[in-house]
Amino acid sequence: MTIPTAEITENERVGREIKAWLARHSLKQTDLADVIGVAQKNVSRRLRGEIPFRIDELLAITQALDITLGQLLGNDLVNEKNPHLVSGEGSRGQTSGHFVAGDGFEPSTSGL
């Protein structure tokens, strides 16, 4: 009998991959905090999947570790095909929806 594992979010999956890379390079959360320019407590929240890593943070991590984004995130996560509909209310009160690959991978659009 197989016991189903609990489903985890994309953010948690990213955090697990990054934790594994930190361990491979004998790095601590404080080292990662320096790389991405946030407090250690916020690194911890990101690694637990409570808040997503921004794309610029992911790229800074890959640069610091001298690996590709695909290596950092792992093939399963990078190649996954699971878009889901995100709905929201538009500026005129209309409901709209669009497809995204997963939470935490959209670049910031503030200031555009």
PDB file of N, CA and C in Angstrom:
ATOM      1  N   MET A   1       0.845  -1.176   0.000  1.00  0.00           N
ATOM      2  CA  MET A   1       0.000   0.000   0.000  1.00  0.00           C
ATOM      3  C   MET A   1       0.885   1.233   0.000  1.00  0.00           C
ATOM      4  N   THR A   2       0.615   2.154  -0.913  1.00  0.00           N
ATOM      5  CA  THR A   2       1.385   3.380  -1.017  1.00  0.00           C
ATOM      6  C   THR A   2       0.648   4.502  -0.307  1.00  0.00           C
ATOM      7  N   ILE A   3       1.368   5.189   0.537  1.00  0.00           N
ATOM      8  CA  ILE A   3       0.785   6.333   1.243  1.00  0.00           C
ATOM      9  C   ILE A   3       1.082   7.579   0.436  1.00  0.00           C
ATOM     10  N   PRO A   4       0.053   8.336   0.031  1.00  0.00           N
ATOM     11  CA  PRO A   4       0.291   9.530  -0.778  1.00  0.00           C
ATOM     12  C   PRO A   4       1.045  10.586   0.026  1.00  0.00           C
ATOM     13  N   THR A   5       1.980  11.229  -0.629  1.00  0.00           N
ATOM     14  CA  THR A   5       2.712  12.297   0.033  1.00  0.00           C
ATOM     15  C   THR A   5       1.901  13.573  -0.062  1.00  0.00           C
ATOM     16  N   ALA A   6       2.087  14.433   0.902  1.00  0.00           N
ATOM     17  CA  ALA A   6       1.371  15.701   0.911  1.00  0.00           C
ATOM     18  C   ALA A   6       1.830  16.549  -0.265  1.00  0.00           C
ATOM     19  N   GLU A   7       0.909  17.227  -0.880  1.00  0.00           N
ATOM     20  CA  GLU A   7       1.257  18.100  -1.992  1.00  0.00           C
ATOM     21  C   GLU A   7       1.964  19.326  -1.446  1.00  0.00           C
ATOM     22  N   ILE A   8       2.995  19.748  -2.163  1.00  0.00           N
ATOM     23  CA  ILE A   8       3.712  20.944  -1.753  1.00  0.00           C
ATOM     24  C   ILE A   8       3.595  21.985  -2.858  1.00  0.00           C
ATOM     25  N   THR A   9       3.735  23.233  -2.497  1.00  0.00           N
ATOM     26  CA  THR A   9       3.607  24.317  -3.461  1.00  0.00           C
ATOM     27  C   THR A   9       4.874  24.454  -4.289  1.00  0.00           C
ATOM     28  N   GLU A  10       4.760  25.197  -5.381  1.00  0.00           N
ATOM     29  CA  GLU A  10       5.932  25.475  -6.205  1.00  0.00           C
ATOM     30  C   GLU A  10       6.993  26.206  -5.395  1.00  0.00           C
ATOM     31  N   ASN A  11       6.566  27.130  -4.543  1.00  0.00           N
ATOM     32  CA  ASN A  11       7.514  27.875  -3.713  1.00  0.00           C
ATOM     33  C   ASN A  11       8.277  26.951  -2.770  1.00  0.00           C
ATOM     34  N   GLU A  12       7.582  25.978  -2.204  1.00  0.00           N
ATOM     35  CA  GLU A  12       8.244  25.009  -1.326  1.00  0.00           C
ATOM     36  C   GLU A  12       9.228  24.154  -2.119  1.00  0.00           C
ATOM     37  N   ARG A  13       8.844  23.784  -3.327  1.00  0.00           N
ATOM     38  CA  ARG A  13       9.738  22.982  -4.162  1.00  0.00           C
ATOM     39  C   ARG A  13      11.008  23.757  -4.500  1.00  0.00           C
ATOM     40  N   VAL A  14      10.854  25.030  -4.843  1.00  0.00           N
ATOM     41  CA  VAL A  14      12.020  25.869  -5.132  1.00  0.00           C
ATOM     42  C   VAL A  14      12.896  25.969  -3.891  1.00  0.00           C
ATOM     43  N   GLY A  15      12.288  26.189  -2.736  1.00  0.00           N
ATOM     44  CA  GLY A  15      13.039  26.273  -1.490  1.00  0.00           C
ATOM     45  C   GLY A  15      13.829  25.012  -1.206  1.00  0.00           C
ATOM     46  N   ARG A  16      13.230  23.858  -1.458  1.00  0.00           N
ATOM     47  CA  ARG A  16      13.927  22.583  -1.231  1.00  0.00           C
ATOM     48  C   ARG A  16      15.125  22.426  -2.159  1.00  0.00           C
ATOM     49  N   GLU A  17      14.958  22.826  -3.416  1.00  0.00           N
ATOM     50  CA  GLU A  17      16.067  22.741  -4.366  1.00  0.00           C
ATOM     51  C   GLU A  17      17.212  23.657  -3.937  1.00  0.00           C
ATOM     52  N   ILE A  18      16.871  24.858  -3.518  1.00  0.00           N
ATOM     53  CA  ILE A  18      17.908  25.808  -3.106  1.00  0.00           C
ATOM     54  C   ILE A  18      18.595  25.327  -1.833  1.00  0.00           C
ATOM     55  N   LYS A  19      17.833  24.774  -0.899  1.00  0.00           N
ATOM     56  CA  LYS A  19      18.439  24.208   0.321  1.00  0.00           C
ATOM     57  C   LYS A  19      19.457  23.129  -0.038  1.00  0.00           C
ATOM     58  N   ALA A  20      19.115  22.286  -1.001  1.00  0.00           N
ATOM     59  CA  ALA A  20      20.028  21.220  -1.415  1.00  0.00           C
ATOM     60  C   ALA A  20      21.318  21.807  -1.990  1.00  0.00           C
ATOM     61  N   TRP A  21      21.197  22.865  -2.790  1.00  0.00           N
ATOM     62  CA  TRP A  21      22.390  23.498  -3.349  1.00  0.00           C
ATOM     63  C   TRP A  21      23.228  24.160  -2.266  1.00  0.00           C
ATOM     64  N   LEU A  22      22.577  24.755  -1.285  1.00  0.00           N
ATOM     65  CA  LEU A  22      23.327  25.346  -0.166  1.00  0.00           C
ATOM     66  C   LEU A  22      24.135  24.271   0.551  1.00  0.00           C
ATOM     67  N   ALA A  23      23.508  23.132   0.784  1.00  0.00           N
ATOM     68  CA  ALA A  23      24.197  22.027   1.465  1.00  0.00           C
ATOM     69  C   ALA A  23      25.372  21.520   0.627  1.00  0.00           C
ATOM     70  N   ARG A  24      25.159  21.390  -0.678  1.00  0.00           N
ATOM     71  CA  ARG A  24      26.244  20.918  -1.561  1.00  0.00           C
ATOM     72  C   ARG A  24      27.464  21.834  -1.519  1.00  0.00           C
ATOM     73  N   HIS A  25      27.220  23.120  -1.303  1.00  0.00           N
ATOM     74  CA  HIS A  25      28.303  24.103  -1.290  1.00  0.00           C
ATOM     75  C   HIS A  25      28.692  24.527   0.129  1.00  0.00           C
ATOM     76  N   SER A  26      28.164  23.823   1.134  1.00  0.00           N
ATOM     77  CA  SER A  26      28.444  24.118   2.542  1.00  0.00           C
ATOM     78  C   SER A  26      28.183  25.583   2.878  1.00  0.00           C
ATOM     79  N   LEU A  27      27.061  26.094   2.386  1.00  0.00           N
ATOM     80  CA  LEU A  27      26.682  27.479   2.644  1.00  0.00           C
ATOM     81  C   LEU A  27      25.533  27.528   3.637  1.00  0.00           C
ATOM     82  N   LYS A  28      25.430  28.652   4.322  1.00  0.00           N
ATOM     83  CA  LYS A  28      24.380  28.866   5.321  1.00  0.00           C
ATOM     84  C   LYS A  28      23.379  29.885   4.803  1.00  0.00           C
ATOM     85  N   GLN A  29      22.274  29.998   5.514  1.00  0.00           N
ATOM     86  CA  GLN A  29      21.252  30.979   5.145  1.00  0.00           C
ATOM     87  C   GLN A  29      21.816  32.394   5.169  1.00  0.00           C
ATOM     88  N   THR A  30      22.719  32.680   6.083  1.00  0.00           N
ATOM     89  CA  THR A  30      23.314  34.018   6.146  1.00  0.00           C
ATOM     90  C   THR A  30      24.141  34.306   4.896  1.00  0.00           C
ATOM     91  N   ASP A  31      24.786  33.277   4.352  1.00  0.00           N
ATOM     92  CA  ASP A  31      25.529  33.450   3.095  1.00  0.00           C
ATOM     93  C   ASP A  31      24.566  33.793   1.958  1.00  0.00           C
ATOM     94  N   LEU A  32      23.444  33.077   1.912  1.00  0.00           N
ATOM     95  CA  LEU A  32      22.446  33.332   0.884  1.00  0.00           C
ATOM     96  C   LEU A  32      21.836  34.725   1.060  1.00  0.00           C
ATOM     97  N   ALA A  33      21.637  35.137   2.291  1.00  0.00           N
ATOM     98  CA  ALA A  33      21.101  36.477   2.564  1.00  0.00           C
ATOM     99  C   ALA A  33      22.015  37.547   1.980  1.00  0.00           C
ATOM    100  N   ASP A  34      23.316  37.362   2.121  1.00  0.00           N
ATOM    101  CA  ASP A  34      24.275  38.308   1.546  1.00  0.00           C
ATOM    102  C   ASP A  34      24.186  38.333   0.027  1.00  0.00           C
ATOM    103  N   VAL A  35      24.013  37.164  -0.573  1.00  0.00           N
ATOM    104  CA  VAL A  35      23.960  37.057  -2.038  1.00  0.00           C
ATOM    105  C   VAL A  35      22.739  37.777  -2.607  1.00  0.00           C
ATOM    106  N   ILE A  36      21.584  37.596  -1.971  1.00  0.00           N
ATOM    107  CA  ILE A  36      20.355  38.171  -2.535  1.00  0.00           C
ATOM    108  C   ILE A  36      19.947  39.490  -1.882  1.00  0.00           C
ATOM    109  N   GLY A  37      20.700  39.913  -0.871  1.00  0.00           N
ATOM    110  CA  GLY A  37      20.458  41.230  -0.279  1.00  0.00           C
ATOM    111  C   GLY A  37      19.227  41.349   0.583  1.00  0.00           C
ATOM    112  N   VAL A  38      18.929  40.303   1.348  1.00  0.00           N
ATOM    113  CA  VAL A  38      17.804  40.355   2.285  1.00  0.00           C
ATOM    114  C   VAL A  38      18.270  39.860   3.641  1.00  0.00           C
ATOM    115  N   ALA A  39      17.465  40.073   4.662  1.00  0.00           N
ATOM    116  CA  ALA A  39      17.775  39.584   6.006  1.00  0.00           C
ATOM    117  C   ALA A  39      17.661  38.058   6.046  1.00  0.00           C
ATOM    118  N   GLN A  40      18.399  37.435   6.941  1.00  0.00           N
ATOM    119  CA  GLN A  40      18.392  35.974   7.075  1.00  0.00           C
ATOM    120  C   GLN A  40      16.991  35.451   7.337  1.00  0.00           C
ATOM    121  N   LYS A  41      16.198  36.160   8.140  1.00  0.00           N
ATOM    122  CA  LYS A  41      14.838  35.685   8.441  1.00  0.00           C
ATOM    123  C   LYS A  41      13.990  35.614   7.166  1.00  0.00           C
ATOM    124  N   ASN A  42      14.254  36.507   6.211  1.00  0.00           N
ATOM    125  CA  ASN A  42      13.513  36.467   4.947  1.00  0.00           C
ATOM    126  C   ASN A  42      14.003  35.345   4.038  1.00  0.00           C
ATOM    127  N   VAL A  43      15.274  34.994   4.146  1.00  0.00           N
ATOM    128  CA  VAL A  43      15.778  33.817   3.431  1.00  0.00           C
ATOM    129  C   VAL A  43      15.065  32.582   3.967  1.00  0.00           C
ATOM    130  N   SER A  44      14.955  32.495   5.271  1.00  0.00           N
ATOM    131  CA  SER A  44      14.279  31.358   5.896  1.00  0.00           C
ATOM    132  C   SER A  44      12.836  31.238   5.400  1.00  0.00           C
ATOM    133  N   ARG A  45      12.143  32.356   5.323  1.00  0.00           N
ATOM    134  CA  ARG A  45      10.755  32.351   4.842  1.00  0.00           C
ATOM    135  C   ARG A  45      10.676  31.908   3.381  1.00  0.00           C
ATOM    136  N   ARG A  46      11.654  32.331   2.585  1.00  0.00           N
ATOM    137  CA  ARG A  46      11.688  31.920   1.180  1.00  0.00           C
ATOM    138  C   ARG A  46      11.962  30.420   1.070  1.00  0.00           C
ATOM    139  N   LEU A  47      12.919  29.926   1.843  1.00  0.00           N
ATOM    140  CA  LEU A  47      13.269  28.506   1.781  1.00  0.00           C
ATOM    141  C   LEU A  47      12.120  27.617   2.238  1.00  0.00           C
ATOM    142  N   ARG A  48      11.284  28.109   3.140  1.00  0.00           N
ATOM    143  CA  ARG A  48      10.110  27.353   3.586  1.00  0.00           C
ATOM    144  C   ARG A  48       8.944  27.482   2.613  1.00  0.00           C
ATOM    145  N   GLY A  49       9.066  28.367   1.632  1.00  0.00           N
ATOM    146  CA  GLY A  49       8.002  28.542   0.648  1.00  0.00           C
ATOM    147  C   GLY A  49       6.922  29.508   1.065  1.00  0.00           C
ATOM    148  N   GLU A  50       7.143  30.232   2.159  1.00  0.00           N
ATOM    149  CA  GLU A  50       6.140  31.194   2.616  1.00  0.00           C
ATOM    150  C   GLU A  50       6.041  32.389   1.680  1.00  0.00           C
ATOM    151  N   ILE A  51       7.157  32.816   1.137  1.00  0.00           N
ATOM    152  CA  ILE A  51       7.183  33.878   0.133  1.00  0.00           C
ATOM    153  C   ILE A  51       8.076  33.410  -1.013  1.00  0.00           C
ATOM    154  N   PRO A  52       7.764  33.820  -2.239  1.00  0.00           N
ATOM    155  CA  PRO A  52       8.536  33.335  -3.384  1.00  0.00           C
ATOM    156  C   PRO A  52       9.866  34.065  -3.543  1.00  0.00           C
ATOM    157  N   PHE A  53      10.819  33.367  -4.130  1.00  0.00           N
ATOM    158  CA  PHE A  53      12.045  34.005  -4.576  1.00  0.00           C
ATOM    159  C   PHE A  53      11.697  34.810  -5.822  1.00  0.00           C
ATOM    160  N   ARG A  54      12.244  36.008  -5.942  1.00  0.00           N
ATOM    161  CA  ARG A  54      12.088  36.799  -7.170  1.00  0.00           C
ATOM    162  C   ARG A  54      13.084  36.281  -8.203  1.00  0.00           C
ATOM    163  N   ILE A  55      12.804  36.539  -9.464  1.00  0.00           N
ATOM    164  CA  ILE A  55      13.679  36.058 -10.527  1.00  0.00           C
ATOM    165  C   ILE A  55      15.081  36.649 -10.392  1.00  0.00           C
ATOM    166  N   ASP A  56      15.197  37.916  -9.981  1.00  0.00           N
ATOM    167  CA  ASP A  56      16.527  38.504  -9.819  1.00  0.00           C
ATOM    168  C   ASP A  56      17.297  37.825  -8.688  1.00  0.00           C
ATOM    169  N   GLU A  57      16.588  37.362  -7.666  1.00  0.00           N
ATOM    170  CA  GLU A  57      17.242  36.624  -6.575  1.00  0.00           C
ATOM    171  C   GLU A  57      17.718  35.260  -7.069  1.00  0.00           C
ATOM    172  N   LEU A  58      16.873  34.582  -7.841  1.00  0.00           N
ATOM    173  CA  LEU A  58      17.264  33.283  -8.386  1.00  0.00           C
ATOM    174  C   LEU A  58      18.495  33.416  -9.278  1.00  0.00           C
ATOM    175  N   LEU A  59      18.521  34.463 -10.084  1.00  0.00           N
ATOM    176  CA  LEU A  59      19.669  34.672 -10.965  1.00  0.00           C
ATOM    177  C   LEU A  59      20.930  35.002 -10.179  1.00  0.00           C
ATOM    178  N   ALA A  60      20.792  35.766  -9.092  1.00  0.00           N
ATOM    179  CA  ALA A  60      21.950  36.068  -8.242  1.00  0.00           C
ATOM    180  C   ALA A  60      22.496  34.790  -7.598  1.00  0.00           C
ATOM    181  N   ILE A  61      21.605  33.898  -7.209  1.00  0.00           N
ATOM    182  CA  ILE A  61      22.021  32.623  -6.604  1.00  0.00           C
ATOM    183  C   ILE A  61      22.774  31.783  -7.631  1.00  0.00           C
ATOM    184  N   THR A  62      22.241  31.708  -8.844  1.00  0.00           N
ATOM    185  CA  THR A  62      22.921  30.911  -9.866  1.00  0.00           C
ATOM    186  C   THR A  62      24.295  31.474 -10.169  1.00  0.00           C
ATOM    187  N   GLN A  63      24.406  32.783 -10.181  1.00  0.00           N
ATOM    188  CA  GLN A  63      25.695  33.412 -10.446  1.00  0.00           C
ATOM    189  C   GLN A  63      26.686  33.118  -9.317  1.00  0.00           C
ATOM    190  N   ALA A  64      26.223  33.202  -8.092  1.00  0.00           N
ATOM    191  CA  ALA A  64      27.095  32.942  -6.938  1.00  0.00           C
ATOM    192  C   ALA A  64      27.555  31.480  -6.898  1.00  0.00           C
ATOM    193  N   LEU A  65      26.674  30.565  -7.310  1.00  0.00           N
ATOM    194  CA  LEU A  65      27.008  29.139  -7.277  1.00  0.00           C
ATOM    195  C   LEU A  65      27.641  28.652  -8.587  1.00  0.00           C
ATOM    196  N   ASP A  66      27.670  29.525  -9.588  1.00  0.00           N
ATOM    197  CA  ASP A  66      28.211  29.196 -10.910  1.00  0.00           C
ATOM    198  C   ASP A  66      27.481  28.002 -11.530  1.00  0.00           C
ATOM    199  N   ILE A  67      26.133  28.087 -11.507  1.00  0.00           N
ATOM    200  CA  ILE A  67      25.280  27.058 -12.092  1.00  0.00           C
ATOM    201  C   ILE A  67      24.198  27.739 -12.927  1.00  0.00           C
ATOM    202  N   THR A  68      23.473  26.962 -13.707  1.00  0.00           N
ATOM    203  CA  THR A  68      22.373  27.508 -14.498  1.00  0.00           C
ATOM    204  C   THR A  68      21.096  27.547 -13.664  1.00  0.00           C
ATOM    205  N   LEU A  69      20.131  28.308 -14.138  1.00  0.00           N
ATOM    206  CA  LEU A  69      18.833  28.348 -13.474  1.00  0.00           C
ATOM    207  C   LEU A  69      18.182  26.973 -13.501  1.00  0.00           C
ATOM    208  N   GLY A  70      18.356  26.254 -14.606  1.00  0.00           N
ATOM    209  CA  GLY A  70      17.820  24.898 -14.710  1.00  0.00           C
ATOM    210  C   GLY A  70      18.432  23.971 -13.677  1.00  0.00           C
ATOM    211  N   GLN A  71      19.745  24.098 -13.451  1.00  0.00           N
ATOM    212  CA  GLN A  71      20.393  23.273 -12.426  1.00  0.00           C
ATOM    213  C   GLN A  71      19.881  23.643 -11.038  1.00  0.00           C
ATOM    214  N   LEU A  72      19.731  24.931 -10.784  1.00  0.00           N
ATOM    215  CA  LEU A  72      19.274  25.383  -9.462  1.00  0.00           C
ATOM    216  C   LEU A  72      17.889  24.831  -9.142  1.00  0.00           C
ATOM    217  N   LEU A  73      16.984  24.938 -10.082  1.00  0.00           N
ATOM    218  CA  LEU A  73      15.593  24.549  -9.828  1.00  0.00           C
ATOM    219  C   LEU A  73      15.334  23.066 -10.040  1.00  0.00           C
ATOM    220  N   GLY A  74      16.168  22.408 -10.807  1.00  0.00           N
ATOM    221  CA  GLY A  74      15.971  20.987 -11.074  1.00  0.00           C
ATOM    222  C   GLY A  74      15.101  20.766 -12.291  1.00  0.00           C
ATOM    223  N   ASN A  75      15.378  19.700 -13.006  1.00  0.00           N
ATOM    224  CA  ASN A  75      14.671  19.407 -14.255  1.00  0.00           C
ATOM    225  C   ASN A  75      13.174  19.231 -14.072  1.00  0.00           C
ATOM    226  N   ASP A  76      12.763  18.580 -13.002  1.00  0.00           N
ATOM    227  CA  ASP A  76      11.333  18.329 -12.810  1.00  0.00           C
ATOM    228  C   ASP A  76      10.541  19.631 -12.744  1.00  0.00           C
ATOM    229  N   LEU A  77      11.039  20.582 -11.977  1.00  0.00           N
ATOM    230  CA  LEU A  77      10.335  21.850 -11.811  1.00  0.00           C
ATOM    231  C   LEU A  77      10.418  22.697 -13.075  1.00  0.00           C
ATOM    232  N   VAL A  78      11.583  22.747 -13.698  1.00  0.00           N
ATOM    233  CA  VAL A  78      11.765  23.571 -14.891  1.00  0.00           C
ATOM    234  C   VAL A  78      10.943  23.062 -16.060  1.00  0.00           C
ATOM    235  N   ASN A  79      10.869  21.754 -16.231  1.00  0.00           N
ATOM    236  CA  ASN A  79      10.191  21.175 -17.388  1.00  0.00           C
ATOM    237  C   ASN A  79       8.734  20.823 -17.146  1.00  0.00           C
ATOM    238  N   GLU A  80       8.226  21.118 -15.978  1.00  0.00           N
ATOM    239  CA  GLU A  80       6.838  20.787 -15.658  1.00  0.00           C
ATOM    240  C   GLU A  80       5.878  21.590 -16.512  1.00  0.00           C
ATOM    241  N   LYS A  81       4.849  20.925 -16.958  1.00  0.00           N
ATOM    242  CA  LYS A  81       3.826  21.578 -17.777  1.00  0.00           C
ATOM    243  C   LYS A  81       2.517  21.552 -17.009  1.00  0.00           C
ATOM    244  N   ASN A  82       2.317  22.572 -16.188  1.00  0.00           N
ATOM    245  CA  ASN A  82       1.106  22.603 -15.380  1.00  0.00           C
ATOM    246  C   ASN A  82       0.529  24.009 -15.243  1.00  0.00           C
ATOM    247  N   PRO A  83       0.282  24.693 -16.335  1.00  0.00           N
ATOM    248  CA  PRO A  83      -0.269  26.037 -16.158  1.00  0.00           C
ATOM    249  C   PRO A  83      -1.635  25.967 -15.489  1.00  0.00           C
ATOM    250  N   HIS A  84      -1.901  26.944 -14.671  1.00  0.00           N
ATOM    251  CA  HIS A  84      -3.215  27.009 -14.037  1.00  0.00           C
ATOM    252  C   HIS A  84      -3.771  28.413 -14.193  1.00  0.00           C
ATOM    253  N   LEU A  85      -5.072  28.521 -14.189  1.00  0.00           N
ATOM    254  CA  LEU A  85      -5.741  29.788 -14.402  1.00  0.00           C
ATOM    255  C   LEU A  85      -5.676  30.635 -13.144  1.00  0.00           C
ATOM    256  N   VAL A  86      -5.244  31.865 -13.319  1.00  0.00           N
ATOM    257  CA  VAL A  86      -5.242  32.832 -12.230  1.00  0.00           C
ATOM    258  C   VAL A  86      -6.300  33.862 -12.586  1.00  0.00           C
ATOM    259  N   SER A  87      -7.288  34.018 -11.728  1.00  0.00           N
ATOM    260  CA  SER A  87      -8.335  34.984 -12.033  1.00  0.00           C
ATOM    261  C   SER A  87      -8.203  36.168 -11.095  1.00  0.00           C
ATOM    262  N   GLY A  88      -8.691  37.265 -11.558  1.00  0.00           N
ATOM    263  CA  GLY A  88      -8.648  38.473 -10.759  1.00  0.00           C
ATOM    264  C   GLY A  88      -9.630  39.471 -11.303  1.00  0.00           C
ATOM    265  N   GLU A  89      -9.778  40.550 -10.589  1.00  0.00           N
ATOM    266  CA  GLU A  89     -10.706  41.569 -11.009  1.00  0.00           C
ATOM    267  C   GLU A  89      -9.945  42.664 -11.715  1.00  0.00           C
ATOM    268  N   GLY A  90     -10.379  43.030 -12.899  1.00  0.00           N
ATOM    269  CA  GLY A  90      -9.739  44.068 -13.680  1.00  0.00           C
ATOM    270  C   GLY A  90     -10.047  45.452 -13.144  1.00  0.00           C
ATOM    271  N   SER A  91      -9.476  46.448 -13.781  1.00  0.00           N
ATOM    272  CA  SER A  91      -9.635  47.821 -13.316  1.00  0.00           C
ATOM    273  C   SER A  91     -11.061  48.328 -13.461  1.00  0.00           C
ATOM    274  N   ARG A  92     -11.868  47.725 -14.324  1.00  0.00           N
ATOM    275  CA  ARG A  92     -13.247  48.152 -14.532  1.00  0.00           C
ATOM    276  C   ARG A  92     -14.239  47.223 -13.842  1.00  0.00           C
ATOM    277  N   GLY A  93     -13.741  46.448 -12.872  1.00  0.00           N
ATOM    278  CA  GLY A  93     -14.615  45.549 -12.150  1.00  0.00           C
ATOM    279  C   GLY A  93     -14.911  44.262 -12.884  1.00  0.00           C
ATOM    280  N   GLN A  94     -14.281  44.055 -14.042  1.00  0.00           N
ATOM    281  CA  GLN A  94     -14.503  42.845 -14.810  1.00  0.00           C
ATOM    282  C   GLN A  94     -13.587  41.744 -14.303  1.00  0.00           C
ATOM    283  N   THR A  95     -14.083  40.539 -14.307  1.00  0.00           N
ATOM    284  CA  THR A  95     -13.267  39.400 -13.916  1.00  0.00           C
ATOM    285  C   THR A  95     -12.451  38.961 -15.113  1.00  0.00           C
ATOM    286  N   SER A  96     -11.176  38.799 -14.900  1.00  0.00           N
ATOM    287  CA  SER A  96     -10.306  38.355 -15.984  1.00  0.00           C
ATOM    288  C   SER A  96      -9.485  37.176 -15.503  1.00  0.00           C
ATOM    289  N   GLY A  97      -8.900  36.464 -16.415  1.00  0.00           N
ATOM    290  CA  GLY A  97      -8.052  35.338 -16.059  1.00  0.00           C
ATOM    291  C   GLY A  97      -6.934  35.191 -17.063  1.00  0.00           C
ATOM    292  N   HIS A  98      -5.839  34.652 -16.599  1.00  0.00           N
ATOM    293  CA  HIS A  98      -4.729  34.353 -17.486  1.00  0.00           C
ATOM    294  C   HIS A  98      -3.985  33.152 -16.925  1.00  0.00           C
ATOM    295  N   PHE A  99      -3.240  32.489 -17.791  1.00  0.00           N
ATOM    296  CA  PHE A  99      -2.524  31.295 -17.389  1.00  0.00           C
ATOM    297  C   PHE A  99      -1.098  31.631 -16.990  1.00  0.00           C
ATOM    298  N   VAL A 100      -0.637  30.994 -15.925  1.00  0.00           N
ATOM    299  CA  VAL A 100       0.751  31.141 -15.494  1.00  0.00           C
ATOM    300  C   VAL A 100       1.296  29.756 -15.176  1.00  0.00           C
ATOM    301  N   ALA A 101       2.625  29.634 -15.203  1.00  0.00           N
ATOM    302  CA  ALA A 101       3.249  28.331 -14.958  1.00  0.00           C
ATOM    303  C   ALA A 101       3.278  27.981 -13.492  1.00  0.00           C
ATOM    304  N   GLY A 102       3.337  28.943 -12.612  1.00  0.00           N
ATOM    305  CA  GLY A 102       3.384  28.661 -11.188  1.00  0.00           C
ATOM    306  C   GLY A 102       3.730  29.912 -10.415  1.00  0.00           C
ATOM    307  N   ASP A 103       3.438  29.924  -9.131  1.00  0.00           N
ATOM    308  CA  ASP A 103       3.715  31.073  -8.295  1.00  0.00           C
ATOM    309  C   ASP A 103       5.212  31.275  -8.110  1.00  0.00           C
ATOM    310  N   GLY A 104       5.619  32.536  -8.023  1.00  0.00           N
ATOM    311  CA  GLY A 104       6.990  32.834  -7.676  1.00  0.00           C
ATOM    312  C   GLY A 104       7.936  32.989  -8.838  1.00  0.00           C
ATOM    313  N   PHE A 105       7.491  32.799 -10.065  1.00  0.00           N
ATOM    314  CA  PHE A 105       8.383  32.876 -11.203  1.00  0.00           C
ATOM    315  C   PHE A 105       8.115  34.088 -12.075  1.00  0.00           C
ATOM    316  N   GLU A 106       7.168  34.893 -11.697  1.00  0.00           N
ATOM    317  CA  GLU A 106       6.852  36.069 -12.490  1.00  0.00           C
ATOM    318  C   GLU A 106       7.738  37.229 -12.038  1.00  0.00           C
ATOM    319  N   PRO A 107       8.378  37.922 -12.997  1.00  0.00           N
ATOM    320  CA  PRO A 107       9.209  39.062 -12.614  1.00  0.00           C
ATOM    321  C   PRO A 107       8.351  40.203 -12.109  1.00  0.00           C
ATOM    322  N   SER A 108       8.937  41.030 -11.303  1.00  0.00           N
ATOM    323  CA  SER A 108       8.226  42.190 -10.775  1.00  0.00           C
ATOM    324  C   SER A 108       7.886  43.134 -11.915  1.00  0.00           C
ATOM    325  N   THR A 109       6.679  43.681 -11.894  1.00  0.00           N
ATOM    326  CA  THR A 109       6.271  44.633 -12.910  1.00  0.00           C
ATOM    327  C   THR A 109       6.051  46.008 -12.320  1.00  0.00           C
ATOM    328  N   SER A 110       6.430  46.206 -11.075  1.00  0.00           N
ATOM    329  CA  SER A 110       6.218  47.507 -10.451  1.00  0.00           C
ATOM    330  C   SER A 110       7.079  48.540 -11.157  1.00  0.00           C
ATOM    331  N   GLY A 111       6.542  49.694 -11.347  1.00  0.00           N
ATOM    332  CA  GLY A 111       7.272  50.774 -11.984  1.00  0.00           C
ATOM    333  C   GLY A 111       7.191  50.775 -13.496  1.00  0.00           C
ATOM    334  N   LEU A 112       6.430  49.836 -14.072  1.00  0.00           N
ATOM    335  CA  LEU A 112       6.297  49.814 -15.530  1.00  0.00           C
ATOM    336  C   LEU A 112       5.180  50.701 -15.990  1.00  0.00           C
TER     337      LEU A 112
END
